[in-house]
Amino acid sequence: MNLTSRTAFAGVALLSLGTAAPLGFASAAQAEELTLCWAAWDPANALVELSKDFTAETGIGMKFEFVPWTEYAARFLNELNSKGKLCDLIIGDSQWIGGSAENGHYIKLNDFFAAEGITMDDFVPATVTGYSEWPKGTPNYWALPAMGDVVGWTYRKDWFENPELQAEFKAKYNWDLAAPTSFEQLKQIAEFFQNRQVDGKTVYGASIYTERGSEGVTMGAMDVLYSYGFKYENPDKPYEMEGFVNSAKSVAGLEFYKSLYDCCTPPGAANSYMGEGVDAFKSGQVAMHMNFAFTWPGLQKDEAVGGDKIGYFANPKGPDGEQFAQLGGQGISVVSYSDKQDAALSYIKWFANPEVQAKWWSLGGFSCLRDVVEDPGFAASQPYAQTFLDSMSIVKDFWAEPAYASLLQASQKRFHDYVVAGQGTAKEALDGLVADWTEVFEDDGKL
């Protein structure tokens, strides 16, 4: 997730910063209190509980500055751009890594990792690439993977297992009603449940992302486009987008996403994102629900739709068998403007400990440490654990360029205008997106 504003990284001079020297817990104890900045959501509450162990071990107190997702990027990117000292540690979105590295907001962690024996080989590779590296594909690290997240799906397992519904579905589609493995199957299920009476109530096929104001429709559309064959650029020529962003496969993917919105979403779904999706599923409106994995622990515990009533599945395959999912999640970084960098680094060192990471998972956080997620008992530790593993193995991410705010704003407009407002064609939307993104990269000196 990468809620943002148009000028996220605008006007910030590139700083020349050395890497802070590593310090152990004893040295860090000179700082009485650290402030960690993040979004206000369930994982943040789990981190507060987890961090009590850090204070007990080091004597360093922890303060937390949490703001709602709708304000998260604007609040903290403004803080970073102004070189503010509020945040000693920040759990910043995956999309911030390029701008935060190039603009000097985060300290580079390579020397610290080497001195403390922290190796990125110990973390799920996709999270290292997504949350820590800049430039991508290079061993330059600006964050420790902190909160793994990915777009996946929940479904009403109790409805899917209803014998009468199973029989009717099998007669109509000639396959057994179950969690879909392809987008074709997903749409058939959504059509089957749309406007159906279940338990005396009218229900609908699926809740998907359509939100215009921040990042929602982009995260949802890309979740489908990846599996249809969309590519951001020519693999052999960076920033060459013509014929890749607007390829025939990309067009088909965007057409599918619009068709899913048109046929199978509940009333009032024109501006839906994480919260609206959770509400639609918890209120019993929809058979399936697209959302980030962080929502799963809360849904699993929900008395109305959780427990044995809920199931999980990874993002399905596209028509050619490709299967990818939109990466979410964040890494934890030390803010370069902090006066307590040594103490902040001690928190990073503590957080990387396997025992801490195991407890982080048990409290509702999503660990990125391989010792945790590759443990033989992990898949059975929660009903959604295997789906999380499956999903994290197929992730792709939106641009992490310093200019990503403008890139995101363009995709939000193009996708929403086509998918929700019904303006133009998918080809026209993607052609326009190529033009928009080309202009951004030209302004950024990349073309």
Protein backbone atom coordinates (compact mmCIF):
# COMPACT_ATOMS: atom_id res chain seq x y z
CA MET A 1 0.00 0.00 0.00
CA ASN A 2 1.29 3.40 -0.83
CA LEU A 3 -1.24 6.11 -0.13
CA THR A 4 0.32 9.32 -1.31
CA SER A 5 0.04 12.89 -2.49
CA ARG A 6 1.08 14.43 -5.79
CA THR A 7 4.16 16.17 -4.38
CA ALA A 8 5.33 13.32 -2.18
CA PHE A 9 9.03 13.73 -2.82
CA ALA A 10 9.03 17.07 -4.61
CA GLY A 11 11.62 19.72 -3.89
CA VAL A 12 13.84 17.78 -1.51
CA ALA A 13 17.55 18.12 -2.12
CA LEU A 14 19.64 14.98 -2.32
CA LEU A 15 21.69 14.69 0.85
CA SER A 16 25.08 13.07 1.18
CA LEU A 17 24.79 10.93 4.28
CA GLY A 18 27.21 8.45 5.75
CA THR A 19 25.96 5.21 7.23
CA ALA A 20 25.52 5.39 10.96
CA ALA A 21 27.94 3.27 12.94
CA PRO A 22 26.46 0.16 14.54
CA LEU A 23 25.90 0.15 18.25
CA GLY A 24 24.74 -2.55 20.66
CA PHE A 25 21.97 -2.25 23.19
CA ALA A 26 24.18 -0.93 25.96
CA SER A 27 25.29 2.12 23.99
CA ALA A 28 21.77 2.77 22.79
CA ALA A 29 20.46 2.95 26.32
CA GLN A 30 21.60 6.58 26.49
CA ALA A 31 18.40 7.44 24.61
CA GLU A 32 15.42 7.28 26.94
CA GLU A 33 12.72 7.13 24.31
CA LEU A 34 12.24 6.47 20.61
CA THR A 35 9.31 7.46 18.42
CA LEU A 36 8.16 5.01 15.77
CA CYS A 37 5.85 6.27 13.03
CA TRP A 38 3.40 4.08 11.14
CA ALA A 39 -0.21 3.77 10.03
CA ALA A 40 -3.04 3.27 12.51
CA TRP A 41 -4.25 -0.30 11.94
CA ASP A 42 -4.37 -3.65 13.69
CA PRO A 43 -0.69 -4.58 13.03
CA ALA A 44 0.37 -1.33 14.70
CA ASN A 45 -1.45 -2.39 17.86
CA ALA A 46 0.41 -5.70 17.72
CA LEU A 47 3.70 -3.83 17.39
CA VAL A 48 2.96 -1.79 20.50
CA GLU A 49 2.51 -5.01 22.45
CA LEU A 50 5.62 -6.57 20.92
CA SER A 51 7.77 -3.51 21.65
CA LYS A 52 7.18 -3.82 25.38
CA ASP A 53 9.78 -6.59 25.24
CA PHE A 54 12.29 -4.19 23.65
CA THR A 55 11.79 -1.70 26.47
CA ALA A 56 12.13 -4.42 29.08
CA GLU A 57 15.35 -5.65 27.50
CA THR A 58 17.03 -2.30 26.78
CA GLY A 59 15.44 0.26 29.08
CA ILE A 60 14.56 2.37 26.03
CA GLY A 61 11.00 3.61 26.03
CA MET A 62 8.86 3.59 22.90
CA LYS A 63 6.41 6.21 21.69
CA PHE A 64 4.22 5.63 18.68
CA GLU A 65 2.84 8.07 16.15
CA PHE A 66 0.10 6.28 14.24
CA VAL A 67 -2.19 8.02 11.74
CA PRO A 68 -5.06 6.64 9.62
CA TRP A 69 -4.21 5.22 6.20
CA THR A 70 -6.02 8.10 4.54
CA GLU A 71 -3.48 10.49 6.12
CA TYR A 72 -0.47 8.20 6.36
CA ALA A 73 1.51 9.25 3.28
CA ALA A 74 0.68 12.94 3.40
CA ARG A 75 1.55 13.14 7.10
CA PHE A 76 4.84 11.30 7.08
CA LEU A 77 6.15 12.23 3.64
CA ASN A 78 5.64 15.86 4.63
CA GLU A 79 7.53 15.11 7.82
CA LEU A 80 10.41 13.59 5.87
CA ASN A 81 10.44 16.31 3.24
CA SER A 82 10.68 18.97 5.94
CA LYS A 83 13.53 17.05 7.63
CA GLY A 84 11.48 16.84 10.80
CA LYS A 85 12.65 15.03 13.92
CA LEU A 86 9.34 13.52 14.99
CA CYS A 87 10.16 10.00 13.77
CA ASP A 88 13.26 8.13 14.88
CA LEU A 89 12.01 4.99 13.19
CA ILE A 90 9.48 4.82 10.39
CA ILE A 91 7.67 1.93 8.80
CA GLY A 92 7.36 3.43 5.35
CA ASP A 93 5.53 2.03 2.38
CA SER A 94 7.28 -0.07 -0.23
CA GLN A 95 6.82 2.72 -2.78
CA TRP A 96 8.72 5.23 -0.66
CA ILE A 97 12.04 3.44 -0.82
CA GLY A 98 13.36 5.08 -4.00
CA GLY A 99 12.53 8.63 -3.03
CA SER A 100 13.59 8.16 0.58
CA ALA A 101 16.95 6.74 -0.47
CA GLU A 102 17.70 9.31 -3.15
CA ASN A 103 16.47 12.23 -1.08
CA GLY A 104 18.41 11.20 2.02
CA HIS A 105 15.44 10.53 4.32
CA TYR A 106 16.65 7.07 5.42
CA ILE A 107 20.11 6.01 6.50
CA LYS A 108 21.74 3.26 4.49
CA LEU A 109 21.89 0.08 6.55
CA ASN A 110 24.54 -2.03 4.79
CA ASP A 111 27.40 -1.39 7.21
CA PHE A 112 25.12 -1.85 10.20
CA PHE A 113 23.77 -5.13 8.87
CA ALA A 114 27.29 -6.39 8.22
CA ALA A 115 28.53 -5.43 11.68
CA GLU A 116 25.55 -7.03 13.43
CA GLY A 117 25.45 -10.19 11.33
CA ILE A 118 22.07 -9.35 9.81
CA THR A 119 21.83 -10.78 6.30
CA MET A 120 19.10 -10.17 3.80
CA ASP A 121 19.40 -13.82 2.80
CA ASP A 122 17.45 -14.56 5.98
CA PHE A 123 14.36 -12.74 4.66
CA VAL A 124 11.83 -13.68 1.98
CA PRO A 125 13.46 -12.49 -1.25
CA ALA A 126 10.39 -10.64 -2.51
CA THR A 127 10.26 -8.56 0.66
CA VAL A 128 13.93 -7.63 0.38
CA THR A 129 13.38 -6.42 -3.17
CA GLY A 130 10.10 -4.74 -2.32
CA TYR A 131 10.85 -3.12 1.01
CA SER A 132 14.63 -2.74 1.32
CA GLU A 133 16.49 -2.34 -1.97
CA TRP A 134 17.25 0.79 -3.93
CA PRO A 135 18.07 0.71 -6.73
CA LYS A 136 16.06 -2.46 -7.26
CA GLY A 137 18.19 -5.52 -7.89
CA THR A 138 21.22 -4.09 -6.10
CA PRO A 139 22.54 -4.91 -2.60
CA ASN A 140 21.82 -1.44 -1.24
CA TYR A 141 19.52 -1.61 1.76
CA TRP A 142 17.51 1.21 3.34
CA ALA A 143 15.07 -0.77 5.46
CA LEU A 144 14.60 -4.09 7.22
CA PRO A 145 11.56 -6.04 5.95
CA ALA A 146 8.97 -5.50 8.66
CA MET A 147 5.40 -6.23 7.60
CA GLY A 148 4.78 -8.65 4.78
CA ASP A 149 1.57 -8.02 2.89
CA VAL A 150 -0.02 -8.93 -0.41
CA VAL A 151 -3.40 -8.75 -2.10
CA GLY A 152 -5.34 -12.00 -1.84
CA TRP A 153 -8.92 -13.12 -1.45
CA THR A 154 -11.33 -14.32 1.20
CA TYR A 155 -14.52 -16.19 0.40
CA ARG A 156 -17.64 -17.43 2.17
CA LYS A 157 -16.63 -21.03 2.66
CA ASP A 158 -20.00 -21.87 4.21
CA TRP A 159 -21.82 -20.68 1.07
CA PHE A 160 -19.44 -22.56 -1.20
CA GLU A 161 -20.08 -25.77 0.79
CA ASN A 162 -23.87 -25.46 0.73
CA PRO A 163 -25.08 -28.67 -1.05
CA GLU A 164 -27.93 -26.96 -2.89
CA LEU A 165 -25.67 -24.18 -4.18
CA GLN A 166 -23.01 -26.72 -5.13
CA ALA A 167 -25.47 -28.74 -7.16
CA GLU A 168 -26.87 -25.70 -8.97
CA PHE A 169 -23.38 -24.37 -9.71
CA LYS A 170 -22.17 -27.74 -11.04
CA ALA A 171 -25.19 -28.02 -13.32
CA LYS A 172 -24.57 -24.56 -14.73
CA TYR A 173 -20.77 -24.48 -15.08
CA ASN A 174 -19.79 -28.16 -15.06
CA TRP A 175 -17.16 -27.86 -12.34
CA ASP A 176 -17.30 -28.09 -8.57
CA LEU A 177 -17.86 -24.87 -6.67
CA ALA A 178 -14.59 -24.19 -4.86
CA ALA A 179 -11.96 -21.50 -4.43
CA PRO A 180 -11.11 -20.38 -7.99
CA THR A 181 -7.68 -21.00 -9.49
CA SER A 182 -8.23 -18.83 -12.58
CA PHE A 183 -9.84 -15.47 -13.19
CA GLU A 184 -12.31 -17.15 -15.53
CA GLN A 185 -13.48 -19.32 -12.64
CA LEU A 186 -13.55 -16.32 -10.30
CA LYS A 187 -15.89 -14.44 -12.61
CA GLN A 188 -18.19 -17.44 -13.01
CA ILE A 189 -18.48 -17.69 -9.23
CA ALA A 190 -19.10 -13.95 -8.94
CA GLU A 191 -21.83 -14.12 -11.59
CA PHE A 192 -23.39 -17.10 -9.84
CA PHE A 193 -23.74 -15.26 -6.54
CA GLN A 194 -24.68 -11.84 -7.93
CA ASN A 195 -28.17 -10.85 -6.71
CA ARG A 196 -28.71 -14.35 -5.29
CA GLN A 197 -30.77 -15.00 -2.18
CA VAL A 198 -28.65 -16.67 0.51
CA ASP A 199 -30.09 -17.18 3.98
CA GLY A 200 -32.96 -14.89 3.06
CA LYS A 201 -30.71 -12.02 2.04
CA THR A 202 -29.68 -10.64 -1.36
CA VAL A 203 -25.93 -11.10 -1.84
CA TYR A 204 -23.40 -10.12 -4.50
CA GLY A 205 -20.43 -11.66 -6.25
CA ALA A 206 -17.29 -9.82 -5.19
CA SER A 207 -15.84 -6.77 -3.51
CA ILE A 208 -12.92 -5.35 -5.50
CA TYR A 209 -10.84 -2.17 -5.31
CA THR A 210 -12.26 0.88 -7.11
CA GLU A 211 -11.21 3.81 -4.90
CA ARG A 212 -10.08 6.93 -6.77
CA GLY A 213 -8.50 9.25 -4.20
CA SER A 214 -5.34 7.44 -3.14
CA GLU A 215 -4.27 4.10 -4.66
CA GLY A 216 -7.18 1.68 -4.49
CA VAL A 217 -8.19 1.16 -8.12
CA THR A 218 -4.53 0.88 -9.15
CA MET A 219 -3.83 -1.82 -6.58
CA GLY A 220 -6.92 -3.74 -7.72
CA ALA A 221 -6.45 -3.39 -11.45
CA MET A 222 -2.76 -4.27 -11.28
CA ASP A 223 -3.64 -7.35 -9.24
CA VAL A 224 -5.44 -8.62 -12.34
CA LEU A 225 -3.22 -7.08 -15.05
CA TYR A 226 -0.08 -8.83 -13.80
CA SER A 227 -1.62 -12.26 -14.33
CA TYR A 228 -2.81 -11.22 -17.78
CA GLY A 229 0.76 -10.43 -18.85
CA PHE A 230 1.13 -6.70 -18.14
CA LYS A 231 4.69 -5.40 -17.89
CA TYR A 232 5.75 -1.96 -16.73
CA GLU A 233 8.59 -1.69 -19.23
CA ASN A 234 10.72 -3.51 -21.74
CA PRO A 235 12.86 -5.93 -19.71
CA ASP A 236 15.80 -5.07 -21.96
CA LYS A 237 15.32 -1.30 -22.02
CA PRO A 238 14.27 0.53 -18.84
CA TYR A 239 11.40 3.00 -19.16
CA GLU A 240 10.41 1.81 -22.64
CA MET A 241 6.70 1.27 -22.03
CA GLU A 242 5.11 1.30 -25.47
CA GLY A 243 3.88 -2.19 -26.31
CA PHE A 244 4.24 -3.39 -22.71
CA VAL A 245 2.00 -1.21 -20.53
CA ASN A 246 -0.53 -1.09 -23.40
CA SER A 247 0.01 -4.56 -24.85
CA ALA A 248 -2.91 -6.66 -26.07
CA LYS A 249 -2.60 -8.76 -22.90
CA SER A 250 -2.72 -5.64 -20.73
CA VAL A 251 -5.81 -4.44 -22.55
CA ALA A 252 -7.51 -7.80 -21.99
CA GLY A 253 -6.69 -7.64 -18.30
CA LEU A 254 -8.15 -4.17 -17.86
CA GLU A 255 -11.25 -5.17 -19.82
CA PHE A 256 -11.67 -8.12 -17.48
CA TYR A 257 -11.38 -5.93 -14.41
CA LYS A 258 -14.07 -3.59 -15.72
CA SER A 259 -16.31 -6.54 -16.60
CA LEU A 260 -15.96 -7.84 -13.04
CA TYR A 261 -16.89 -4.42 -11.67
CA ASP A 262 -19.86 -4.12 -14.03
CA CYS A 263 -21.30 -7.58 -13.47
CA CYS A 264 -20.64 -8.58 -9.95
CA THR A 265 -20.01 -5.90 -7.31
CA PRO A 266 -22.46 -4.73 -4.65
CA PRO A 267 -24.37 -1.44 -4.89
CA GLY A 268 -22.31 1.61 -4.01
CA ALA A 269 -19.00 0.00 -4.94
CA ALA A 270 -17.67 2.89 -7.04
CA ASN A 271 -15.16 4.06 -4.43
CA SER A 272 -14.23 0.94 -2.48
CA TYR A 273 -10.90 0.13 -0.88
CA MET A 274 -9.67 -1.76 2.17
CA GLY A 275 -12.20 -0.59 4.74
CA GLU A 276 -15.18 -0.77 2.41
CA GLY A 277 -14.16 -4.27 1.37
CA VAL A 278 -13.95 -5.46 4.95
CA ASP A 279 -17.35 -3.94 5.67
CA ALA A 280 -18.90 -5.64 2.62
CA PHE A 281 -17.54 -9.04 3.65
CA LYS A 282 -18.32 -8.73 7.36
CA SER A 283 -21.88 -7.61 6.67
CA GLY A 284 -22.50 -10.71 4.55
CA GLN A 285 -22.94 -8.84 1.27
CA VAL A 286 -20.37 -10.63 -0.90
CA ALA A 287 -19.22 -14.14 -1.70
CA MET A 288 -15.62 -13.07 -2.36
CA HIS A 289 -13.49 -10.20 -1.17
CA MET A 290 -10.24 -8.78 -2.61
CA ASN A 291 -8.02 -7.31 0.10
CA PHE A 292 -4.57 -7.18 1.61
CA ALA A 293 -3.57 -10.05 3.88
CA PHE A 294 -3.36 -7.81 6.95
CA THR A 295 -7.17 -7.95 7.11
CA TRP A 296 -7.24 -11.72 7.49
CA PRO A 297 -6.55 -12.10 11.23
CA GLY A 298 -9.42 -9.77 12.10
CA LEU A 299 -11.81 -11.46 9.68
CA GLN A 300 -10.84 -14.89 10.96
CA LYS A 301 -11.87 -13.83 14.46
CA ASP A 302 -15.13 -12.20 13.36
CA GLU A 303 -18.12 -13.92 14.97
CA ALA A 304 -20.40 -13.41 11.98
CA VAL A 305 -18.19 -14.43 9.04
CA GLY A 306 -15.00 -15.86 10.53
CA GLY A 307 -14.05 -19.24 11.91
CA ASP A 308 -15.38 -22.09 9.78
CA LYS A 309 -17.32 -19.69 7.55
CA ILE A 310 -14.30 -18.07 5.90
CA GLY A 311 -11.76 -19.38 3.41
CA TYR A 312 -8.72 -17.88 1.68
CA PHE A 313 -7.16 -18.16 -1.75
CA ALA A 314 -4.24 -16.60 -3.59
CA ASN A 315 -4.75 -14.32 -6.57
CA PRO A 316 -5.80 -16.55 -9.49
CA LYS A 317 -4.05 -17.29 -12.77
CA GLY A 318 -4.62 -15.38 -15.96
CA PRO A 319 -5.64 -16.89 -19.31
CA ASP A 320 -2.08 -17.98 -20.18
CA GLY A 321 -1.38 -19.50 -16.77
CA GLU A 322 0.62 -16.57 -15.42
CA GLN A 323 -0.03 -15.87 -11.74
CA PHE A 324 1.07 -12.82 -9.80
CA ALA A 325 -0.27 -10.68 -6.96
CA GLN A 326 0.10 -7.06 -5.93
CA LEU A 327 2.67 -6.59 -3.18
CA GLY A 328 1.77 -4.58 -0.10
CA GLY A 329 3.67 -4.24 3.13
CA GLN A 330 6.51 -2.14 4.47
CA GLY A 331 10.05 -2.05 5.76
CA ILE A 332 11.31 -0.35 8.90
CA SER A 333 13.92 2.39 8.49
CA VAL A 334 15.97 4.75 10.61
CA VAL A 335 15.21 8.37 9.79
CA SER A 336 18.34 10.32 8.90
CA TYR A 337 17.12 13.45 10.72
CA SER A 338 16.77 11.66 14.05
CA ASP A 339 19.10 12.58 16.91
CA LYS A 340 18.77 9.03 18.24
CA GLN A 341 20.02 6.97 15.35
CA ASP A 342 22.10 4.61 17.48
CA ALA A 343 19.16 3.74 19.69
CA ALA A 344 16.95 3.37 16.63
CA LEU A 345 19.46 0.94 15.14
CA SER A 346 19.31 -1.09 18.33
CA TYR A 347 15.57 -1.48 17.75
CA ILE A 348 16.26 -2.74 14.22
CA LYS A 349 18.73 -5.26 15.61
CA TRP A 350 16.22 -6.44 18.21
CA PHE A 351 13.37 -6.65 15.71
CA ALA A 352 15.46 -8.87 13.39
CA ASN A 353 15.85 -11.52 16.10
CA PRO A 354 14.11 -14.79 15.12
CA GLU A 355 12.38 -15.12 18.51
CA VAL A 356 11.01 -11.60 18.18
CA GLN A 357 9.86 -12.31 14.64
CA ALA A 358 8.07 -15.48 15.74
CA LYS A 359 6.22 -13.52 18.41
CA TRP A 360 5.43 -10.79 15.87
CA TRP A 361 3.61 -13.40 13.77
CA SER A 362 1.77 -14.79 16.79
CA LEU A 363 0.50 -11.31 17.71
CA GLY A 364 -0.92 -10.62 14.24
CA GLY A 365 2.03 -9.11 12.41
CA PHE A 366 3.23 -10.70 9.18
CA SER A 367 6.87 -11.68 9.56
CA CYS A 368 9.19 -11.66 6.55
CA LEU A 369 11.87 -13.78 8.22
CA ARG A 370 12.46 -17.10 6.53
CA ASP A 371 13.08 -18.85 9.87
CA VAL A 372 9.48 -18.03 10.73
CA VAL A 373 7.62 -18.53 7.45
CA GLU A 374 9.63 -21.61 6.40
CA ASP A 375 9.20 -23.34 9.74
CA PRO A 376 7.45 -26.72 9.21
CA GLY A 377 4.64 -25.67 11.51
CA PHE A 378 4.01 -22.27 9.94
CA ALA A 379 1.46 -23.31 7.31
CA ALA A 380 -0.77 -24.83 9.99
CA SER A 381 -0.28 -22.01 12.50
CA GLN A 382 -3.24 -20.02 11.14
CA PRO A 383 -5.99 -20.88 8.62
CA TYR A 384 -4.63 -18.19 6.27
CA ALA A 385 -0.91 -18.97 6.69
CA GLN A 386 -0.58 -21.18 3.61
CA THR A 387 -2.40 -18.65 1.43
CA PHE A 388 -0.04 -15.96 2.70
CA LEU A 389 2.96 -18.09 1.75
CA ASP A 390 1.50 -18.89 -1.66
CA SER A 391 0.72 -15.23 -2.29
CA MET A 392 4.10 -13.89 -1.22
CA SER A 393 5.78 -16.23 -3.70
CA ILE A 394 4.04 -14.54 -6.67
CA VAL A 395 4.26 -10.83 -5.85
CA LYS A 396 4.92 -7.89 -8.14
CA ASP A 397 4.94 -4.23 -7.17
CA PHE A 398 4.06 -0.84 -8.57
CA TRP A 399 6.82 1.61 -9.52
CA ALA A 400 9.11 2.45 -6.59
CA GLU A 401 10.66 5.38 -8.44
CA PRO A 402 11.15 8.70 -6.64
CA ALA A 403 8.42 10.08 -8.92
CA TYR A 404 6.01 7.31 -8.00
CA ALA A 405 3.45 9.78 -6.62
CA SER A 406 2.88 11.28 -10.05
CA LEU A 407 2.99 7.82 -11.65
CA LEU A 408 0.31 6.65 -9.23
CA GLN A 409 -1.87 9.68 -9.71
CA ALA A 410 -1.90 9.02 -13.44
CA SER A 411 -2.91 5.37 -13.09
CA GLN A 412 -5.60 6.25 -10.57
CA LYS A 413 -7.25 8.63 -13.01
CA ARG A 414 -6.89 6.43 -16.09
CA PHE A 415 -8.13 3.27 -14.37
CA HIS A 416 -11.01 4.88 -12.51
CA ASP A 417 -12.20 6.80 -15.56
CA TYR A 418 -12.39 3.58 -17.55
CA VAL A 419 -13.35 0.92 -14.98
CA VAL A 420 -15.84 2.88 -12.90
CA ALA A 421 -16.88 5.89 -14.99
CA GLY A 422 -16.98 3.91 -18.24
CA GLN A 423 -15.07 6.50 -20.24
CA GLY A 424 -13.41 5.30 -23.45
CA THR A 425 -11.81 1.91 -24.01
CA ALA A 426 -9.20 -0.09 -22.15
CA LYS A 427 -6.75 0.50 -25.01
CA GLU A 428 -7.31 4.24 -24.82
CA ALA A 429 -6.81 4.19 -21.04
CA LEU A 430 -3.52 2.32 -21.32
CA ASP A 431 -2.30 4.40 -24.28
CA GLY A 432 -3.00 7.47 -22.16
CA LEU A 433 -1.14 5.93 -19.25
CA VAL A 434 1.93 5.35 -21.42
CA ALA A 435 1.82 9.03 -22.41
CA ASP A 436 1.38 10.14 -18.80
CA TRP A 437 4.20 7.98 -17.48
CA THR A 438 6.50 8.97 -20.34
CA GLU A 439 5.99 12.61 -19.42
CA VAL A 440 6.77 11.89 -15.76
CA PHE A 441 10.01 10.10 -16.61
CA GLU A 442 11.00 12.84 -19.06
CA ASP A 443 10.50 15.43 -16.32
CA ASP A 444 12.52 13.22 -13.98
CA GLY A 445 15.41 13.01 -16.44
CA LYS A 446 14.98 9.27 -17.00
CA LEU A 447 14.10 9.65 -20.70
